[in-house]
Amino acid sequence: SPLWLGLAMFYLAFSRGENPKFSYFFIGFKSWIRSM
């Protein structure tokens, strides 16, 4: 579930012209409960 959210956050940033680092993919774990 946090990886599912992290994937969306990563590609939203990417599609907006940003250059997210690989570690940004795990940002969903900061919203663990919410994502679950």
Full PDB file with SEQRES, HELIX, SHEET, SSBOND, CRYST1, ORIGX, SCALE, CONECT and MASTER records, all heavy atoms in Angstrom:
SEQRES   1 A   36  SER PRO LEU TRP LEU GLY LEU ALA MET PHE TYR LEU ALA          
SEQRES   2 A   36  PHE SER ARG GLY GLU ASN PRO LYS PHE SER TYR PHE PHE          
SEQRES   3 A   36  ILE GLY PHE LYS SER TRP ILE ARG SER MET                      
HELIX    1 AA1 PRO A    2  SER A   15  1                                  14    
HELIX    2 AA2 PHE A   22  SER A   31  5                                  10    
HELIX    3 AA3 TRP A   32  SER A   35  1                                   4    
CRYST1    1.000    1.000    1.000  90.00  90.00  90.00 P 1           1          
ORIGX1      1.000000  0.000000  0.000000        0.00000                         
ORIGX2      0.000000  1.000000  0.000000        0.00000                         
ORIGX3      0.000000  0.000000  1.000000        0.00000                         
SCALE1      1.000000  0.000000  0.000000        0.00000                         
SCALE2      0.000000  1.000000  0.000000        0.00000                         
SCALE3      0.000000  0.000000  1.000000        0.00000                         
ATOM      1  N   SER A   1       0.814  -1.228   0.000  1.00  0.00           N  
ATOM      2  CA  SER A   1       0.000   0.000   0.000  1.00  0.00           C  
ATOM      3  C   SER A   1       0.847   1.278   0.000  1.00  0.00           C  
ATOM      4  O   SER A   1       0.572   2.196  -0.793  1.00  0.00           O  
ATOM      5  CB  SER A   1      -0.996  -0.009   1.155  1.00  0.00           C  
ATOM      6  OG  SER A   1      -0.363  -0.205   2.397  1.00  0.00           O  
ATOM      7  N   PRO A   2       1.895   1.397   0.828  1.00  0.00           N  
ATOM      8  CA  PRO A   2       2.716   2.611   0.738  1.00  0.00           C  
ATOM      9  C   PRO A   2       3.520   2.685  -0.558  1.00  0.00           C  
ATOM     10  O   PRO A   2       3.796   3.783  -1.054  1.00  0.00           O  
ATOM     11  CB  PRO A   2       3.632   2.520   1.961  1.00  0.00           C  
ATOM     12  CG  PRO A   2       3.625   1.096   2.360  1.00  0.00           C  
ATOM     13  CD  PRO A   2       2.296   0.560   1.974  1.00  0.00           C  
ATOM     14  N   LEU A   3       3.884   1.530  -1.120  1.00  0.00           N  
ATOM     15  CA  LEU A   3       4.586   1.533  -2.406  1.00  0.00           C  
ATOM     16  C   LEU A   3       3.639   1.958  -3.528  1.00  0.00           C  
ATOM     17  O   LEU A   3       4.045   2.644  -4.467  1.00  0.00           O  
ATOM     18  CB  LEU A   3       5.166   0.146  -2.701  1.00  0.00           C  
ATOM     19  CG  LEU A   3       6.302  -0.323  -1.794  1.00  0.00           C  
ATOM     20  CD1 LEU A   3       6.778  -1.710  -2.216  1.00  0.00           C  
ATOM     21  CD2 LEU A   3       7.472   0.663  -1.829  1.00  0.00           C  
ATOM     22  N   TRP A   4       2.373   1.548  -3.420  1.00  0.00           N  
ATOM     23  CA  TRP A   4       1.327   1.951  -4.368  1.00  0.00           C  
ATOM     24  C   TRP A   4       1.176   3.471  -4.365  1.00  0.00           C  
ATOM     25  O   TRP A   4       1.129   4.116  -5.425  1.00  0.00           O  
ATOM     26  CB  TRP A   4       0.040   1.251  -3.956  1.00  0.00           C  
ATOM     27  CG  TRP A   4      -1.248   1.677  -4.557  1.00  0.00           C  
ATOM     28  CD1 TRP A   4      -1.669   1.484  -5.842  1.00  0.00           C  
ATOM     29  CD2 TRP A   4      -2.338   2.328  -3.874  1.00  0.00           C  
ATOM     30  NE1 TRP A   4      -2.939   1.978  -6.007  1.00  0.00           N  
ATOM     31  CE2 TRP A   4      -3.369   2.498  -4.808  1.00  0.00           C  
ATOM     32  CE3 TRP A   4      -2.537   2.762  -2.561  1.00  0.00           C  
ATOM     33  CZ2 TRP A   4      -4.598   3.089  -4.498  1.00  0.00           C  
ATOM     34  CZ3 TRP A   4      -3.747   3.360  -2.228  1.00  0.00           C  
ATOM     35  CH2 TRP A   4      -4.760   3.515  -3.194  1.00  0.00           C  
ATOM     36  N   LEU A   5       1.149   4.066  -3.159  1.00  0.00           N  
ATOM     37  CA  LEU A   5       1.056   5.519  -3.041  1.00  0.00           C  
ATOM     38  C   LEU A   5       2.356   6.178  -3.488  1.00  0.00           C  
ATOM     39  O   LEU A   5       2.336   7.197  -4.194  1.00  0.00           O  
ATOM     40  CB  LEU A   5       0.736   5.905  -1.592  1.00  0.00           C  
ATOM     41  CG  LEU A   5       0.618   7.405  -1.289  1.00  0.00           C  
ATOM     42  CD1 LEU A   5      -0.484   8.045  -2.120  1.00  0.00           C  
ATOM     43  CD2 LEU A   5       0.364   7.626   0.205  1.00  0.00           C  
ATOM     44  N   GLY A   6       3.473   5.598  -3.103  1.00  0.00           N  
ATOM     45  CA  GLY A   6       4.773   6.152  -3.470  1.00  0.00           C  
ATOM     46  C   GLY A   6       4.988   6.161  -4.972  1.00  0.00           C  
ATOM     47  O   GLY A   6       5.562   7.110  -5.524  1.00  0.00           O  
ATOM     48  N   LEU A   7       4.505   5.115  -5.639  1.00  0.00           N  
ATOM     49  CA  LEU A   7       4.627   5.043  -7.100  1.00  0.00           C  
ATOM     50  C   LEU A   7       3.857   6.187  -7.746  1.00  0.00           C  
ATOM     51  O   LEU A   7       4.355   6.825  -8.683  1.00  0.00           O  
ATOM     52  CB  LEU A   7       4.093   3.693  -7.586  1.00  0.00           C  
ATOM     53  CG  LEU A   7       4.429   3.300  -9.029  1.00  0.00           C  
ATOM     54  CD1 LEU A   7       5.910   2.961  -9.166  1.00  0.00           C  
ATOM     55  CD2 LEU A   7       3.592   2.089  -9.461  1.00  0.00           C  
ATOM     56  N   ALA A   8       2.654   6.460  -7.238  1.00  0.00           N  
ATOM     57  CA  ALA A   8       1.841   7.557  -7.779  1.00  0.00           C  
ATOM     58  C   ALA A   8       2.517   8.905  -7.528  1.00  0.00           C  
ATOM     59  O   ALA A   8       2.552   9.772  -8.413  1.00  0.00           O  
ATOM     60  CB  ALA A   8       0.455   7.536  -7.155  1.00  0.00           C  
ATOM     61  N   MET A   9       3.063   9.088  -6.332  1.00  0.00           N  
ATOM     62  CA  MET A   9       3.727  10.342  -5.993  1.00  0.00           C  
ATOM     63  C   MET A   9       4.974  10.544  -6.844  1.00  0.00           C  
ATOM     64  O   MET A   9       5.261  11.656  -7.307  1.00  0.00           O  
ATOM     65  CB  MET A   9       4.071  10.364  -4.502  1.00  0.00           C  
ATOM     66  CG  MET A   9       2.859  10.347  -3.594  1.00  0.00           C  
ATOM     67  SD  MET A   9       3.244  10.281  -1.822  1.00  0.00           S  
ATOM     68  CE  MET A   9       3.697  11.987  -1.531  1.00  0.00           C  
ATOM     69  N   PHE A  10       5.709   9.469  -7.070  1.00  0.00           N  
ATOM     70  CA  PHE A  10       6.922   9.529  -7.886  1.00  0.00           C  
ATOM     71  C   PHE A  10       6.575   9.965  -9.310  1.00  0.00           C  
ATOM     72  O   PHE A  10       7.207  10.878  -9.865  1.00  0.00           O  
ATOM     73  CB  PHE A  10       7.604   8.157  -7.904  1.00  0.00           C  
ATOM     74  CG  PHE A  10       8.883   8.117  -8.694  1.00  0.00           C  
ATOM     75  CD1 PHE A  10      10.104   8.336  -8.074  1.00  0.00           C  
ATOM     76  CD2 PHE A  10       8.868   7.863 -10.060  1.00  0.00           C  
ATOM     77  CE1 PHE A  10      11.293   8.306  -8.797  1.00  0.00           C  
ATOM     78  CE2 PHE A  10      10.051   7.829 -10.798  1.00  0.00           C  
ATOM     79  CZ  PHE A  10      11.265   8.058 -10.158  1.00  0.00           C  
ATOM     80  N   TYR A  11       5.545   9.326  -9.903  1.00  0.00           N  
ATOM     81  CA  TYR A  11       5.236   9.622 -11.301  1.00  0.00           C  
ATOM     82  C   TYR A  11       4.454  10.907 -11.493  1.00  0.00           C  
ATOM     83  O   TYR A  11       4.513  11.510 -12.580  1.00  0.00           O  
ATOM     84  CB  TYR A  11       4.542   8.423 -11.959  1.00  0.00           C  
ATOM     85  CG  TYR A  11       5.573   7.397 -12.356  1.00  0.00           C  
ATOM     86  CD1 TYR A  11       5.775   6.247 -11.609  1.00  0.00           C  
ATOM     87  CD2 TYR A  11       6.407   7.627 -13.443  1.00  0.00           C  
ATOM     88  CE1 TYR A  11       6.765   5.345 -11.944  1.00  0.00           C  
ATOM     89  CE2 TYR A  11       7.402   6.737 -13.783  1.00  0.00           C  
ATOM     90  CZ  TYR A  11       7.576   5.595 -13.033  1.00  0.00           C  
ATOM     91  OH  TYR A  11       8.572   4.716 -13.366  1.00  0.00           O  
ATOM     92  N   LEU A  12       3.766  11.374 -10.463  1.00  0.00           N  
ATOM     93  CA  LEU A  12       3.164  12.703 -10.549  1.00  0.00           C  
ATOM     94  C   LEU A  12       4.266  13.758 -10.606  1.00  0.00           C  
ATOM     95  O   LEU A  12       4.216  14.686 -11.428  1.00  0.00           O  
ATOM     96  CB  LEU A  12       2.261  12.968  -9.341  1.00  0.00           C  
ATOM     97  CG  LEU A  12       0.781  12.618  -9.478  1.00  0.00           C  
ATOM     98  CD1 LEU A  12       0.024  13.033  -8.216  1.00  0.00           C  
ATOM     99  CD2 LEU A  12       0.152  13.278 -10.695  1.00  0.00           C  
ATOM    100  N   ALA A  13       5.258  13.604  -9.735  1.00  0.00           N  
ATOM    101  CA  ALA A  13       6.393  14.532  -9.735  1.00  0.00           C  
ATOM    102  C   ALA A  13       7.132  14.464 -11.065  1.00  0.00           C  
ATOM    103  O   ALA A  13       7.480  15.487 -11.667  1.00  0.00           O  
ATOM    104  CB  ALA A  13       7.337  14.207  -8.574  1.00  0.00           C  
ATOM    105  N   PHE A  14       7.329  13.249 -11.542  1.00  0.00           N  
ATOM    106  CA  PHE A  14       8.059  13.041 -12.787  1.00  0.00           C  
ATOM    107  C   PHE A  14       7.315  13.653 -13.970  1.00  0.00           C  
ATOM    108  O   PHE A  14       7.913  14.305 -14.836  1.00  0.00           O  
ATOM    109  CB  PHE A  14       8.278  11.540 -12.997  1.00  0.00           C  
ATOM    110  CG  PHE A  14       9.139  11.218 -14.188  1.00  0.00           C  
ATOM    111  CD1 PHE A  14      10.500  11.440 -14.152  1.00  0.00           C  
ATOM    112  CD2 PHE A  14       8.576  10.698 -15.344  1.00  0.00           C  
ATOM    113  CE1 PHE A  14      11.302  11.154 -15.250  1.00  0.00           C  
ATOM    114  CE2 PHE A  14       9.366  10.403 -16.439  1.00  0.00           C  
ATOM    115  CZ  PHE A  14      10.732  10.638 -16.394  1.00  0.00           C  
ATOM    116  N   SER A  15       5.985  13.454 -14.022  1.00  0.00           N  
ATOM    117  CA  SER A  15       5.192  13.966 -15.140  1.00  0.00           C  
ATOM    118  C   SER A  15       5.111  15.487 -15.139  1.00  0.00           C  
ATOM    119  O   SER A  15       4.811  16.107 -16.162  1.00  0.00           O  
ATOM    120  CB  SER A  15       3.775  13.385 -15.103  1.00  0.00           C  
ATOM    121  OG  SER A  15       3.028  13.924 -14.031  1.00  0.00           O  
ATOM    122  N   ARG A  16       5.394  16.099 -13.977  1.00  0.00           N  
ATOM    123  CA  ARG A  16       5.369  17.561 -13.870  1.00  0.00           C  
ATOM    124  C   ARG A  16       6.724  18.199 -14.155  1.00  0.00           C  
ATOM    125  O   ARG A  16       6.927  19.381 -13.903  1.00  0.00           O  
ATOM    126  CB  ARG A  16       4.873  17.948 -12.468  1.00  0.00           C  
ATOM    127  CG  ARG A  16       3.401  17.636 -12.258  1.00  0.00           C  
ATOM    128  CD  ARG A  16       2.976  17.743 -10.821  1.00  0.00           C  
ATOM    129  NE  ARG A  16       1.532  17.532 -10.684  1.00  0.00           N  
ATOM    130  CZ  ARG A  16       0.904  17.348  -9.535  1.00  0.00           C  
ATOM    131  NH1 ARG A  16       1.597  17.335  -8.406  1.00  0.00           N  
ATOM    132  NH2 ARG A  16      -0.397  17.173  -9.508  1.00  0.00           N  
ATOM    133  N   GLY A  17       7.640  17.394 -14.656  1.00  0.00           N  
ATOM    134  CA  GLY A  17       8.931  17.919 -15.053  1.00  0.00           C  
ATOM    135  C   GLY A  17       9.977  17.925 -13.969  1.00  0.00           C  
ATOM    136  O   GLY A  17      11.087  18.436 -14.167  1.00  0.00           O  
ATOM    137  N   GLU A  18       9.642  17.376 -12.807  1.00  0.00           N  
ATOM    138  CA  GLU A  18      10.623  17.270 -11.739  1.00  0.00           C  
ATOM    139  C   GLU A  18      11.508  16.046 -11.994  1.00  0.00           C  
ATOM    140  O   GLU A  18      11.212  15.218 -12.845  1.00  0.00           O  
ATOM    141  CB  GLU A  18       9.912  17.148 -10.384  1.00  0.00           C  
ATOM    142  CG  GLU A  18       9.008  18.343 -10.057  1.00  0.00           C  
ATOM    143  CD  GLU A  18       8.201  18.133  -8.794  1.00  0.00           C  
ATOM    144  OE1 GLU A  18       8.665  17.382  -7.908  1.00  0.00           O  
ATOM    145  OE2 GLU A  18       7.093  18.698  -8.708  1.00  0.00           O  
ATOM    146  N   ASN A  19      12.582  15.940 -11.237  1.00  0.00           N  
ATOM    147  CA  ASN A  19      13.491  14.796 -11.374  1.00  0.00           C  
ATOM    148  C   ASN A  19      13.631  14.083 -10.031  1.00  0.00           C  
ATOM    149  O   ASN A  19      14.672  14.192  -9.364  1.00  0.00           O  
ATOM    150  CB  ASN A  19      14.861  15.259 -11.885  1.00  0.00           C  
ATOM    151  CG  ASN A  19      14.802  15.749 -13.310  1.00  0.00           C  
ATOM    152  OD1 ASN A  19      14.398  15.019 -14.213  1.00  0.00           O  
ATOM    153  ND2 ASN A  19      15.190  16.994 -13.529  1.00  0.00           N  
ATOM    154  N   PRO A  20      12.578  13.374  -9.609  1.00  0.00           N  
ATOM    155  CA  PRO A  20      12.639  12.705  -8.307  1.00  0.00           C  
ATOM    156  C   PRO A  20      13.727  11.642  -8.268  1.00  0.00           C  
ATOM    157  O   PRO A  20      13.936  10.910  -9.249  1.00  0.00           O  
ATOM    158  CB  PRO A  20      11.245  12.072  -8.175  1.00  0.00           C  
ATOM    159  CG  PRO A  20      10.757  11.914  -9.586  1.00  0.00           C  
ATOM    160  CD  PRO A  20      11.328  13.080 -10.332  1.00  0.00           C  
ATOM    161  N   LYS A  21      14.408  11.560  -7.141  1.00  0.00           N  
ATOM    162  CA  LYS A  21      15.422  10.529  -6.968  1.00  0.00           C  
ATOM    163  C   LYS A  21      14.740   9.196  -6.669  1.00  0.00           C  
ATOM    164  O   LYS A  21      13.564   9.149  -6.306  1.00  0.00           O  
ATOM    165  CB  LYS A  21      16.373  10.905  -5.829  1.00  0.00           C  
ATOM    166  CG  LYS A  21      17.195  12.151  -6.112  1.00  0.00           C  
ATOM    167  CD  LYS A  21      18.128  12.458  -4.949  1.00  0.00           C  
ATOM    168  CE  LYS A  21      18.961  13.700  -5.233  1.00  0.00           C  
ATOM    169  NZ  LYS A  21      19.868  14.023  -4.099  1.00  0.00           N  
ATOM    170  N   PHE A  22      15.490   8.127  -6.796  1.00  0.00           N  
ATOM    171  CA  PHE A  22      14.946   6.791  -6.546  1.00  0.00           C  
ATOM    172  C   PHE A  22      14.335   6.695  -5.150  1.00  0.00           C  
ATOM    173  O   PHE A  22      13.268   6.090  -4.973  1.00  0.00           O  
ATOM    174  CB  PHE A  22      16.057   5.738  -6.708  1.00  0.00           C  
ATOM    175  CG  PHE A  22      15.657   4.366  -6.248  1.00  0.00           C  
ATOM    176  CD1 PHE A  22      14.729   3.621  -6.960  1.00  0.00           C  
ATOM    177  CD2 PHE A  22      16.201   3.829  -5.087  1.00  0.00           C  
ATOM    178  CE1 PHE A  22      14.341   2.357  -6.530  1.00  0.00           C  
ATOM    179  CE2 PHE A  22      15.822   2.564  -4.651  1.00  0.00           C  
ATOM    180  CZ  PHE A  22      14.891   1.827  -5.377  1.00  0.00           C  
ATOM    181  N   SER A  23      14.946   7.325  -4.165  1.00  0.00           N  
ATOM    182  CA  SER A  23      14.462   7.249  -2.779  1.00  0.00           C  
ATOM    183  C   SER A  23      13.062   7.840  -2.630  1.00  0.00           C  
ATOM    184  O   SER A  23      12.327   7.477  -1.703  1.00  0.00           O  
ATOM    185  CB  SER A  23      15.426   7.972  -1.838  1.00  0.00           C  
ATOM    186  OG  SER A  23      15.589   9.331  -2.231  1.00  0.00           O  
ATOM    187  N   TYR A  24      12.666   8.718  -3.545  1.00  0.00           N  
ATOM    188  CA  TYR A  24      11.344   9.347  -3.468  1.00  0.00           C  
ATOM    189  C   TYR A  24      10.229   8.325  -3.651  1.00  0.00           C  
ATOM    190  O   TYR A  24       9.105   8.526  -3.189  1.00  0.00           O  
ATOM    191  CB  TYR A  24      11.235  10.440  -4.534  1.00  0.00           C  
ATOM    192  CG  TYR A  24      10.038  11.353  -4.353  1.00  0.00           C  
ATOM    193  CD1 TYR A  24      10.006  12.295  -3.335  1.00  0.00           C  
ATOM    194  CD2 TYR A  24       8.943  11.284  -5.209  1.00  0.00           C  
ATOM    195  CE1 TYR A  24       8.922  13.139  -3.155  1.00  0.00           C  
ATOM    196  CE2 TYR A  24       7.846  12.115  -5.038  1.00  0.00           C  
ATOM    197  CZ  TYR A  24       7.846  13.047  -4.016  1.00  0.00           C  
ATOM    198  OH  TYR A  24       6.765  13.861  -3.845  1.00  0.00           O  
ATOM    199  N   PHE A  25      10.548   7.235  -4.303  1.00  0.00           N  
ATOM    200  CA  PHE A  25       9.597   6.147  -4.524  1.00  0.00           C  
ATOM    201  C   PHE A  25       9.065   5.596  -3.194  1.00  0.00           C  
ATOM    202  O   PHE A  25       7.937   5.096  -3.126  1.00  0.00           O  
ATOM    203  CB  PHE A  25      10.301   5.050  -5.332  1.00  0.00           C  
ATOM    204  CG  PHE A  25       9.588   3.736  -5.397  1.00  0.00           C  
ATOM    205  CD1 PHE A  25       8.259   3.644  -5.774  1.00  0.00           C  
ATOM    206  CD2 PHE A  25      10.257   2.554  -5.093  1.00  0.00           C  
ATOM    207  CE1 PHE A  25       7.603   2.419  -5.843  1.00  0.00           C  
ATOM    208  CE2 PHE A  25       9.614   1.330  -5.167  1.00  0.00           C  
ATOM    209  CZ  PHE A  25       8.288   1.267  -5.534  1.00  0.00           C  
ATOM    210  N   PHE A  26       9.855   5.718  -2.115  1.00  0.00           N  
ATOM    211  CA  PHE A  26       9.464   5.176  -0.807  1.00  0.00           C  
ATOM    212  C   PHE A  26       8.767   6.210   0.086  1.00  0.00           C  
ATOM    213  O   PHE A  26       8.510   5.934   1.256  1.00  0.00           O  
ATOM    214  CB  PHE A  26      10.704   4.636  -0.081  1.00  0.00           C  
ATOM    215  CG  PHE A  26      11.373   3.509  -0.820  1.00  0.00           C  
ATOM    216  CD1 PHE A  26      12.479   3.750  -1.619  1.00  0.00           C  
ATOM    217  CD2 PHE A  26      10.876   2.213  -0.738  1.00  0.00           C  
ATOM    218  CE1 PHE A  26      13.094   2.710  -2.318  1.00  0.00           C  
ATOM    219  CE2 PHE A  26      11.480   1.169  -1.430  1.00  0.00           C  
ATOM    220  CZ  PHE A  26      12.592   1.424  -2.223  1.00  0.00           C  
ATOM    221  N   ILE A  27       8.428   7.365  -0.484  1.00  0.00           N  
ATOM    222  CA  ILE A  27       7.822   8.426   0.321  1.00  0.00           C  
ATOM    223  C   ILE A  27       6.451   8.029   0.863  1.00  0.00           C  
ATOM    224  O   ILE A  27       5.973   8.581   1.852  1.00  0.00           O  
ATOM    225  CB  ILE A  27       7.720   9.731  -0.506  1.00  0.00           C  
ATOM    226  CG1 ILE A  27       7.463  10.914   0.422  1.00  0.00           C  
ATOM    227  CG2 ILE A  27       6.654   9.615  -1.589  1.00  0.00           C  
ATOM    228  CD1 ILE A  27       7.542  12.263  -0.269  1.00  0.00           C  
ATOM    229  N   GLY A  28       5.814   7.053   0.221  1.00  0.00           N  
ATOM    230  CA  GLY A  28       4.508   6.589   0.686  1.00  0.00           C  
ATOM    231  C   GLY A  28       4.538   6.037   2.099  1.00  0.00           C  
ATOM    232  O   GLY A  28       3.509   6.021   2.792  1.00  0.00           O  
ATOM    233  N   PHE A  29       5.703   5.599   2.558  1.00  0.00           N  
ATOM    234  CA  PHE A  29       5.822   5.063   3.919  1.00  0.00           C  
ATOM    235  C   PHE A  29       5.640   6.160   4.975  1.00  0.00           C  
ATOM    236  O   PHE A  29       5.387   5.858   6.136  1.00  0.00           O  
ATOM    237  CB  PHE A  29       7.166   4.367   4.101  1.00  0.00           C  
ATOM    238  CG  PHE A  29       7.218   3.009   3.454  1.00  0.00           C  
ATOM    239  CD1 PHE A  29       7.736   2.861   2.177  1.00  0.00           C  
ATOM    240  CD2 PHE A  29       6.728   1.890   4.113  1.00  0.00           C  
ATOM    241  CE1 PHE A  29       7.779   1.609   1.562  1.00  0.00           C  
ATOM    242  CE2 PHE A  29       6.760   0.633   3.511  1.00  0.00           C  
ATOM    243  CZ  PHE A  29       7.282   0.489   2.230  1.00  0.00           C  
ATOM    244  N   LYS A  30       5.753   7.432   4.563  1.00  0.00           N  
ATOM    245  CA  LYS A  30       5.494   8.531   5.489  1.00  0.00           C  
ATOM    246  C   LYS A  30       3.997   8.685   5.735  1.00  0.00           C  
ATOM    247  O   LYS A  30       3.596   9.358   6.692  1.00  0.00           O  
ATOM    248  CB  LYS A  30       6.075   9.833   4.935  1.00  0.00           C  
ATOM    249  CG  LYS A  30       7.601   9.870   4.921  1.00  0.00           C  
ATOM    250  CD  LYS A  30       8.108  11.219   4.465  1.00  0.00           C  
ATOM    251  CE  LYS A  30       9.631  11.276   4.527  1.00  0.00           C  
ATOM    252  NZ  LYS A  30      10.168  12.601   4.104  1.00  0.00           N  
ATOM    253  N   SER A  31       3.193   8.108   4.845  1.00  0.00           N  
ATOM    254  CA  SER A  31       1.729   8.130   4.993  1.00  0.00           C  
ATOM    255  C   SER A  31       1.222   6.690   5.057  1.00  0.00           C  
ATOM    256  O   SER A  31       0.253   6.326   4.386  1.00  0.00           O  
ATOM    257  CB  SER A  31       1.089   8.878   3.821  1.00  0.00           C  
ATOM    258  OG  SER A  31       1.590  10.178   3.709  1.00  0.00           O  
ATOM    259  N   TRP A  32       1.904   5.884   5.842  1.00  0.00           N  
ATOM    260  CA  TRP A  32       1.665   4.443   5.893  1.00  0.00           C  
ATOM    261  C   TRP A  32       0.204   4.098   6.214  1.00  0.00           C  
ATOM    262  O   TRP A  32      -0.449   3.362   5.477  1.00  0.00           O  
ATOM    263  CB  TRP A  32       2.580   3.820   6.940  1.00  0.00           C  
ATOM    264  CG  TRP A  32       2.917   2.381   6.686  1.00  0.00           C  
ATOM    265  CD1 TRP A  32       2.174   1.464   5.989  1.00  0.00           C  
ATOM    266  CD2 TRP A  32       4.099   1.694   7.094  1.00  0.00           C  
ATOM    267  NE1 TRP A  32       2.806   0.248   5.958  1.00  0.00           N  
ATOM    268  CE2 TRP A  32       3.995   0.371   6.635  1.00  0.00           C  
ATOM    269  CE3 TRP A  32       5.223   2.070   7.827  1.00  0.00           C  
ATOM    270  CZ2 TRP A  32       4.985  -0.580   6.880  1.00  0.00           C  
ATOM    271  CZ3 TRP A  32       6.210   1.120   8.064  1.00  0.00           C  
ATOM    272  CH2 TRP A  32       6.082  -0.188   7.584  1.00  0.00           C  
ATOM    273  N   ILE A  33      -0.303   4.638   7.309  1.00  0.00           N  
ATOM    274  CA  ILE A  33      -1.669   4.327   7.745  1.00  0.00           C  
ATOM    275  C   ILE A  33      -2.681   4.776   6.697  1.00  0.00           C  
ATOM    276  O   ILE A  33      -3.614   4.044   6.358  1.00  0.00           O  
ATOM    277  CB  ILE A  33      -1.978   4.988   9.102  1.00  0.00           C  
ATOM    278  CG1 ILE A  33      -0.969   4.528  10.169  1.00  0.00           C  
ATOM    279  CG2 ILE A  33      -3.404   4.664   9.534  1.00  0.00           C  
ATOM    280  CD1 ILE A  33      -0.967   3.036  10.409  1.00  0.00           C  
ATOM    281  N   ARG A  34      -2.484   5.970   6.200  1.00  0.00           N  
ATOM    282  CA  ARG A  34      -3.391   6.525   5.185  1.00  0.00           C  
ATOM    283  C   ARG A  34      -3.405   5.665   3.929  1.00  0.00           C  
ATOM    284  O   ARG A  34      -4.462   5.387   3.354  1.00  0.00           O  
ATOM    285  CB  ARG A  34      -2.932   7.941   4.856  1.00  0.00           C  
ATOM    286  CG  ARG A  34      -3.860   8.744   3.940  1.00  0.00           C  
ATOM    287  CD  ARG A  34      -3.444  10.199   4.019  1.00  0.00           C  
ATOM    288  NE  ARG A  34      -4.144  11.037   3.080  1.00  0.00           N  
ATOM    289  CZ  ARG A  34      -3.591  11.550   1.983  1.00  0.00           C  
ATOM    290  NH1 ARG A  34      -2.334  11.262   1.693  1.00  0.00           N  
ATOM    291  NH2 ARG A  34      -4.286  12.334   1.181  1.00  0.00           N  
ATOM    292  N   SER A  35      -2.232   5.236   3.504  1.00  0.00           N  
ATOM    293  CA  SER A  35      -2.148   4.408   2.292  1.00  0.00           C  
ATOM    294  C   SER A  35      -2.804   3.049   2.512  1.00  0.00           C  
ATOM    295  O   SER A  35      -3.492   2.530   1.623  1.00  0.00           O  
ATOM    296  CB  SER A  35      -0.686   4.232   1.861  1.00  0.00           C  
ATOM    297  OG  SER A  35       0.049   3.473   2.811  1.00  0.00           O  
ATOM    298  N   MET A  36      -2.629   2.464   3.702  1.00  0.00           N  
ATOM    299  CA  MET A  36      -3.242   1.167   3.983  1.00  0.00           C  
ATOM    300  C   MET A  36      -4.759   1.265   4.039  1.00  0.00           C  
ATOM    301  O   MET A  36      -5.468   0.389   3.549  1.00  0.00           O  
ATOM    302  CB  MET A  36      -2.690   0.597   5.296  1.00  0.00           C  
ATOM    303  CG  MET A  36      -1.317  -0.016   5.169  1.00  0.00           C  
ATOM    304  SD  MET A  36      -0.857  -1.017   6.612  1.00  0.00           S  
ATOM    305  CE  MET A  36      -0.709   0.246   7.864  1.00  0.00           C  
TER     306      MET A  36                                                      
MASTER        0    0    0    3    0    0    0    6  305    1    0    3          
END                                                                             
